[in-house]
Amino acid sequence: MSTKKQYLKNKPYCKVTFRLSKEFAGNGKTAGLAGEFNDWQAEKTPMKALKNGDFTVTVDLATGREYQYRFVVDGAHWITDTQADKYVHAGIANAQNGVVVV
């Protein structure tokens, strides 16, 4: 798992590419990105399946902020990014949300 950030000159946002590896997606057929930027609705930000089994998606996020997020595989399995910028408690059990800082 990883994130790649591309800051744009003269634009108040950053293109952030999120990648969920096959190792963590398992045999999942679909994946989505859920977070504060889409009201935690993974279906609003579907990820593209790559030939190697990884999933990826790029989103535009306003700079100067932090955003909590998680990956959702097959609409049911919530996965925390192991390479997030930082982590916060998700508010349920021992779950954590990843945080991307832009």
N, C-alpha and C. Protein backbone atom coordinates (compact mmCIF):
# COMPACT_ATOMS: atom_id res chain seq x y z
N MET A 1 0.85 -1.17 0.00
CA MET A 1 0.00 0.00 0.00
C MET A 1 0.89 1.23 0.00
N SER A 2 0.39 2.25 -0.64
CA SER A 2 1.17 3.48 -0.67
C SER A 2 0.30 4.64 -1.16
N THR A 3 0.83 5.84 -0.97
CA THR A 3 0.19 7.03 -1.52
C THR A 3 1.28 7.84 -2.23
N LYS A 4 0.89 8.48 -3.31
CA LYS A 4 1.79 9.35 -4.05
C LYS A 4 1.10 10.69 -4.16
N LYS A 5 1.82 11.76 -3.83
CA LYS A 5 1.23 13.10 -3.84
C LYS A 5 1.86 13.95 -4.95
N GLN A 6 1.01 14.62 -5.71
CA GLN A 6 1.48 15.53 -6.74
C GLN A 6 0.85 16.89 -6.49
N TYR A 7 1.67 17.82 -5.96
CA TYR A 7 1.19 19.18 -5.69
C TYR A 7 1.22 19.96 -7.00
N LEU A 8 0.16 20.72 -7.24
CA LEU A 8 0.05 21.47 -8.49
C LEU A 8 0.32 22.95 -8.25
N LYS A 9 1.14 23.53 -9.13
CA LYS A 9 1.43 24.95 -9.03
C LYS A 9 0.15 25.74 -9.29
N ASN A 10 -0.04 26.79 -8.54
CA ASN A 10 -1.18 27.70 -8.72
C ASN A 10 -2.54 27.03 -8.51
N LYS A 11 -2.58 25.89 -7.87
CA LYS A 11 -3.85 25.20 -7.58
C LYS A 11 -3.89 24.89 -6.08
N PRO A 12 -5.05 25.07 -5.44
CA PRO A 12 -5.15 24.83 -4.00
C PRO A 12 -5.44 23.37 -3.64
N TYR A 13 -5.04 22.45 -4.51
CA TYR A 13 -5.27 21.04 -4.22
C TYR A 13 -4.08 20.19 -4.67
N CYS A 14 -4.10 18.95 -4.23
CA CYS A 14 -3.05 17.99 -4.49
C CYS A 14 -3.68 16.74 -5.09
N LYS A 15 -3.08 16.19 -6.13
CA LYS A 15 -3.54 14.92 -6.68
C LYS A 15 -2.87 13.82 -5.86
N VAL A 16 -3.70 13.01 -5.18
CA VAL A 16 -3.17 11.95 -4.34
C VAL A 16 -3.59 10.61 -4.94
N THR A 17 -2.60 9.78 -5.23
CA THR A 17 -2.87 8.45 -5.76
C THR A 17 -2.72 7.44 -4.63
N PHE A 18 -3.79 6.71 -4.38
CA PHE A 18 -3.82 5.67 -3.35
C PHE A 18 -3.67 4.32 -4.05
N ARG A 19 -2.90 3.43 -3.44
CA ARG A 19 -2.71 2.10 -4.01
C ARG A 19 -2.89 1.05 -2.92
N LEU A 20 -3.74 0.08 -3.20
CA LEU A 20 -3.99 -1.05 -2.31
C LEU A 20 -3.37 -2.27 -2.97
N SER A 21 -2.41 -2.90 -2.30
CA SER A 21 -1.71 -4.04 -2.89
C SER A 21 -2.54 -5.31 -2.84
N LYS A 22 -2.26 -6.20 -3.76
CA LYS A 22 -2.94 -7.50 -3.82
C LYS A 22 -2.76 -8.25 -2.50
N GLU A 23 -1.59 -8.07 -1.88
CA GLU A 23 -1.31 -8.71 -0.59
C GLU A 23 -2.40 -8.42 0.43
N PHE A 24 -2.89 -7.19 0.45
CA PHE A 24 -3.91 -6.80 1.41
C PHE A 24 -5.33 -6.94 0.86
N ALA A 25 -5.48 -6.83 -0.46
CA ALA A 25 -6.80 -6.97 -1.08
C ALA A 25 -7.23 -8.43 -1.14
N GLY A 26 -6.26 -9.34 -1.05
CA GLY A 26 -6.57 -10.77 -1.13
C GLY A 26 -7.17 -11.11 -2.47
N ASN A 27 -8.23 -11.88 -2.45
CA ASN A 27 -8.91 -12.26 -3.69
C ASN A 27 -10.09 -11.33 -3.98
N GLY A 28 -10.05 -10.14 -3.43
CA GLY A 28 -11.13 -9.18 -3.63
C GLY A 28 -11.36 -8.86 -5.09
N LYS A 29 -12.61 -8.74 -5.46
CA LYS A 29 -12.98 -8.43 -6.84
C LYS A 29 -13.12 -6.93 -7.07
N THR A 30 -13.50 -6.19 -6.02
CA THR A 30 -13.65 -4.74 -6.13
C THR A 30 -13.04 -4.07 -4.90
N ALA A 31 -12.68 -2.80 -5.08
CA ALA A 31 -12.16 -2.02 -3.95
C ALA A 31 -12.59 -0.58 -4.15
N GLY A 32 -12.75 0.11 -3.04
CA GLY A 32 -13.09 1.52 -3.06
C GLY A 32 -12.33 2.24 -1.97
N LEU A 33 -12.29 3.54 -2.07
CA LEU A 33 -11.63 4.38 -1.08
C LEU A 33 -12.70 5.16 -0.33
N ALA A 34 -12.78 4.97 0.97
CA ALA A 34 -13.75 5.67 1.80
C ALA A 34 -13.01 6.63 2.73
N GLY A 35 -13.55 7.84 2.88
CA GLY A 35 -12.89 8.79 3.76
C GLY A 35 -13.71 10.03 3.98
N GLU A 36 -13.11 10.96 4.69
CA GLU A 36 -13.79 12.22 5.00
C GLU A 36 -14.12 13.01 3.74
N PHE A 37 -13.38 12.80 2.68
CA PHE A 37 -13.57 13.53 1.42
C PHE A 37 -14.74 13.02 0.60
N ASN A 38 -15.34 11.87 0.95
CA ASN A 38 -16.50 11.36 0.21
C ASN A 38 -17.59 10.81 1.15
N ASP A 39 -17.66 11.37 2.35
CA ASP A 39 -18.66 10.97 3.35
C ASP A 39 -18.57 9.48 3.70
N TRP A 40 -17.38 8.92 3.62
CA TRP A 40 -17.14 7.51 3.99
C TRP A 40 -17.93 6.54 3.11
N GLN A 41 -18.19 6.92 1.88
CA GLN A 41 -18.94 6.08 0.96
C GLN A 41 -18.00 5.59 -0.15
N ALA A 42 -17.48 4.38 0.03
CA ALA A 42 -16.48 3.82 -0.88
C ALA A 42 -16.98 3.72 -2.32
N GLU A 43 -18.28 3.56 -2.50
CA GLU A 43 -18.80 3.44 -3.86
C GLU A 43 -18.67 4.75 -4.64
N LYS A 44 -18.47 5.87 -3.93
CA LYS A 44 -18.27 7.15 -4.60
C LYS A 44 -16.86 7.27 -5.20
N THR A 45 -15.93 6.45 -4.68
CA THR A 45 -14.55 6.51 -5.15
C THR A 45 -14.05 5.09 -5.41
N PRO A 46 -14.54 4.47 -6.49
CA PRO A 46 -14.10 3.11 -6.82
C PRO A 46 -12.63 3.11 -7.26
N MET A 47 -11.96 2.02 -6.97
CA MET A 47 -10.57 1.88 -7.35
C MET A 47 -10.47 1.00 -8.59
N LYS A 48 -9.49 1.27 -9.42
CA LYS A 48 -9.27 0.52 -10.64
C LYS A 48 -8.41 -0.71 -10.33
N ALA A 49 -8.85 -1.87 -10.80
CA ALA A 49 -8.07 -3.10 -10.63
C ALA A 49 -6.96 -3.13 -11.67
N LEU A 50 -5.74 -3.40 -11.22
CA LEU A 50 -4.60 -3.51 -12.12
C LEU A 50 -4.35 -4.98 -12.44
N LYS A 51 -3.60 -5.24 -13.50
CA LYS A 51 -3.34 -6.61 -13.93
C LYS A 51 -2.64 -7.45 -12.87
N ASN A 52 -1.83 -6.80 -12.03
CA ASN A 52 -1.08 -7.54 -11.01
C ASN A 52 -1.90 -7.81 -9.74
N GLY A 53 -3.18 -7.38 -9.73
CA GLY A 53 -4.04 -7.61 -8.58
C GLY A 53 -4.14 -6.45 -7.61
N ASP A 54 -3.31 -5.41 -7.80
CA ASP A 54 -3.40 -4.21 -6.98
C ASP A 54 -4.60 -3.39 -7.44
N PHE A 55 -5.01 -2.42 -6.60
CA PHE A 55 -6.06 -1.46 -6.94
C PHE A 55 -5.50 -0.06 -6.76
N THR A 56 -5.96 0.89 -7.58
CA THR A 56 -5.47 2.26 -7.47
C THR A 56 -6.57 3.27 -7.82
N VAL A 57 -6.44 4.46 -7.27
CA VAL A 57 -7.34 5.57 -7.58
C VAL A 57 -6.62 6.88 -7.25
N THR A 58 -6.92 7.92 -8.04
CA THR A 58 -6.35 9.25 -7.78
C THR A 58 -7.49 10.20 -7.47
N VAL A 59 -7.32 10.98 -6.39
CA VAL A 59 -8.33 11.97 -6.00
C VAL A 59 -7.66 13.32 -5.79
N ASP A 60 -8.43 14.38 -6.01
CA ASP A 60 -7.95 15.74 -5.77
C ASP A 60 -8.38 16.15 -4.36
N LEU A 61 -7.42 16.51 -3.53
CA LEU A 61 -7.70 16.92 -2.15
C LEU A 61 -7.17 18.32 -1.90
N ALA A 62 -7.98 19.13 -1.23
CA ALA A 62 -7.56 20.49 -0.89
C ALA A 62 -6.33 20.45 0.01
N THR A 63 -5.37 21.32 -0.27
CA THR A 63 -4.13 21.34 0.50
C THR A 63 -4.33 22.03 1.85
N GLY A 64 -3.36 21.80 2.74
CA GLY A 64 -3.41 22.40 4.07
C GLY A 64 -4.31 21.67 5.03
N ARG A 65 -4.66 20.42 4.70
CA ARG A 65 -5.59 19.64 5.52
C ARG A 65 -5.07 18.22 5.72
N GLU A 66 -5.75 17.53 6.63
CA GLU A 66 -5.52 16.10 6.85
C GLU A 66 -6.84 15.40 6.62
N TYR A 67 -6.79 14.22 6.02
CA TYR A 67 -8.00 13.46 5.70
C TYR A 67 -7.88 12.03 6.21
N GLN A 68 -8.88 11.57 6.94
CA GLN A 68 -8.93 10.17 7.37
C GLN A 68 -9.52 9.34 6.23
N TYR A 69 -9.05 8.10 6.11
CA TYR A 69 -9.54 7.22 5.05
C TYR A 69 -9.25 5.75 5.37
N ARG A 70 -9.94 4.88 4.64
CA ARG A 70 -9.69 3.43 4.68
C ARG A 70 -10.07 2.85 3.32
N PHE A 71 -9.51 1.70 3.01
CA PHE A 71 -9.88 0.97 1.81
C PHE A 71 -11.03 0.03 2.15
N VAL A 72 -11.92 -0.22 1.18
CA VAL A 72 -13.04 -1.14 1.38
C VAL A 72 -13.01 -2.15 0.23
N VAL A 73 -12.82 -3.43 0.58
CA VAL A 73 -12.74 -4.49 -0.42
C VAL A 73 -14.06 -5.25 -0.45
N ASP A 74 -14.58 -5.44 -1.66
CA ASP A 74 -15.84 -6.15 -1.89
C ASP A 74 -17.00 -5.59 -1.05
N GLY A 75 -16.94 -4.29 -0.78
CA GLY A 75 -18.02 -3.62 -0.07
C GLY A 75 -18.17 -3.97 1.39
N ALA A 76 -17.27 -4.80 1.93
CA ALA A 76 -17.46 -5.27 3.30
C ALA A 76 -16.21 -5.27 4.17
N HIS A 77 -15.04 -5.42 3.59
CA HIS A 77 -13.81 -5.56 4.36
C HIS A 77 -13.06 -4.23 4.38
N TRP A 78 -13.03 -3.59 5.56
CA TRP A 78 -12.39 -2.29 5.73
C TRP A 78 -10.93 -2.52 6.11
N ILE A 79 -10.02 -1.91 5.36
CA ILE A 79 -8.59 -2.13 5.53
C ILE A 79 -7.89 -0.80 5.77
N THR A 80 -7.05 -0.74 6.79
CA THR A 80 -6.27 0.45 7.09
C THR A 80 -4.97 0.41 6.29
N ASP A 81 -4.62 1.52 5.68
CA ASP A 81 -3.38 1.64 4.91
C ASP A 81 -2.19 1.53 5.86
N THR A 82 -1.32 0.57 5.60
CA THR A 82 -0.15 0.35 6.47
C THR A 82 0.93 1.40 6.27
N GLN A 83 0.79 2.25 5.24
CA GLN A 83 1.80 3.27 4.98
C GLN A 83 1.19 4.68 4.99
N ALA A 84 0.14 4.87 5.77
CA ALA A 84 -0.48 6.19 5.89
C ALA A 84 0.50 7.16 6.56
N ASP A 85 0.24 8.45 6.39
CA ASP A 85 1.09 9.46 7.02
C ASP A 85 1.01 9.38 8.54
N LYS A 86 -0.17 9.08 9.05
CA LYS A 86 -0.37 8.86 10.49
C LYS A 86 -1.69 8.13 10.68
N TYR A 87 -2.05 7.86 11.94
CA TYR A 87 -3.25 7.07 12.24
C TYR A 87 -4.03 7.70 13.37
N VAL A 88 -5.37 7.50 13.33
CA VAL A 88 -6.24 7.93 14.42
C VAL A 88 -7.23 6.81 14.71
N HIS A 89 -7.71 6.78 15.94
CA HIS A 89 -8.69 5.76 16.33
C HIS A 89 -9.96 5.97 15.53
N ALA A 90 -10.52 4.88 15.01
CA ALA A 90 -11.70 4.95 14.14
C ALA A 90 -13.01 5.09 14.92
N GLY A 91 -12.95 4.92 16.22
CA GLY A 91 -14.17 5.07 17.02
C GLY A 91 -14.91 3.77 17.23
N ILE A 92 -14.42 2.68 16.66
CA ILE A 92 -15.03 1.36 16.87
C ILE A 92 -13.94 0.34 17.19
N ALA A 93 -14.17 -0.42 18.23
CA ALA A 93 -13.23 -1.48 18.66
C ALA A 93 -11.80 -0.96 18.64
N ASN A 94 -10.90 -1.73 18.08
CA ASN A 94 -9.48 -1.34 18.01
C ASN A 94 -9.10 -0.84 16.62
N ALA A 95 -10.07 -0.49 15.81
CA ALA A 95 -9.82 -0.08 14.44
C ALA A 95 -9.17 1.30 14.37
N GLN A 96 -8.32 1.47 13.35
CA GLN A 96 -7.68 2.76 13.11
C GLN A 96 -7.95 3.19 11.68
N ASN A 97 -8.03 4.50 11.48
CA ASN A 97 -8.11 5.07 10.15
C ASN A 97 -6.73 5.59 9.79
N GLY A 98 -6.39 5.46 8.51
CA GLY A 98 -5.18 6.10 8.02
C GLY A 98 -5.46 7.57 7.82
N VAL A 99 -4.42 8.37 7.85
CA VAL A 99 -4.54 9.81 7.61
C VAL A 99 -3.53 10.20 6.54
N VAL A 100 -4.01 10.94 5.55
CA VAL A 100 -3.12 11.51 4.54
C VAL A 100 -3.05 13.00 4.82
N VAL A 101 -1.84 13.54 4.85
CA VAL A 101 -1.61 14.96 5.13
C VAL A 101 -1.21 15.64 3.82
N VAL A 102 -2.02 16.61 3.41
CA VAL A 102 -1.69 17.35 2.19
C VAL A 102 -1.61 18.82 2.54
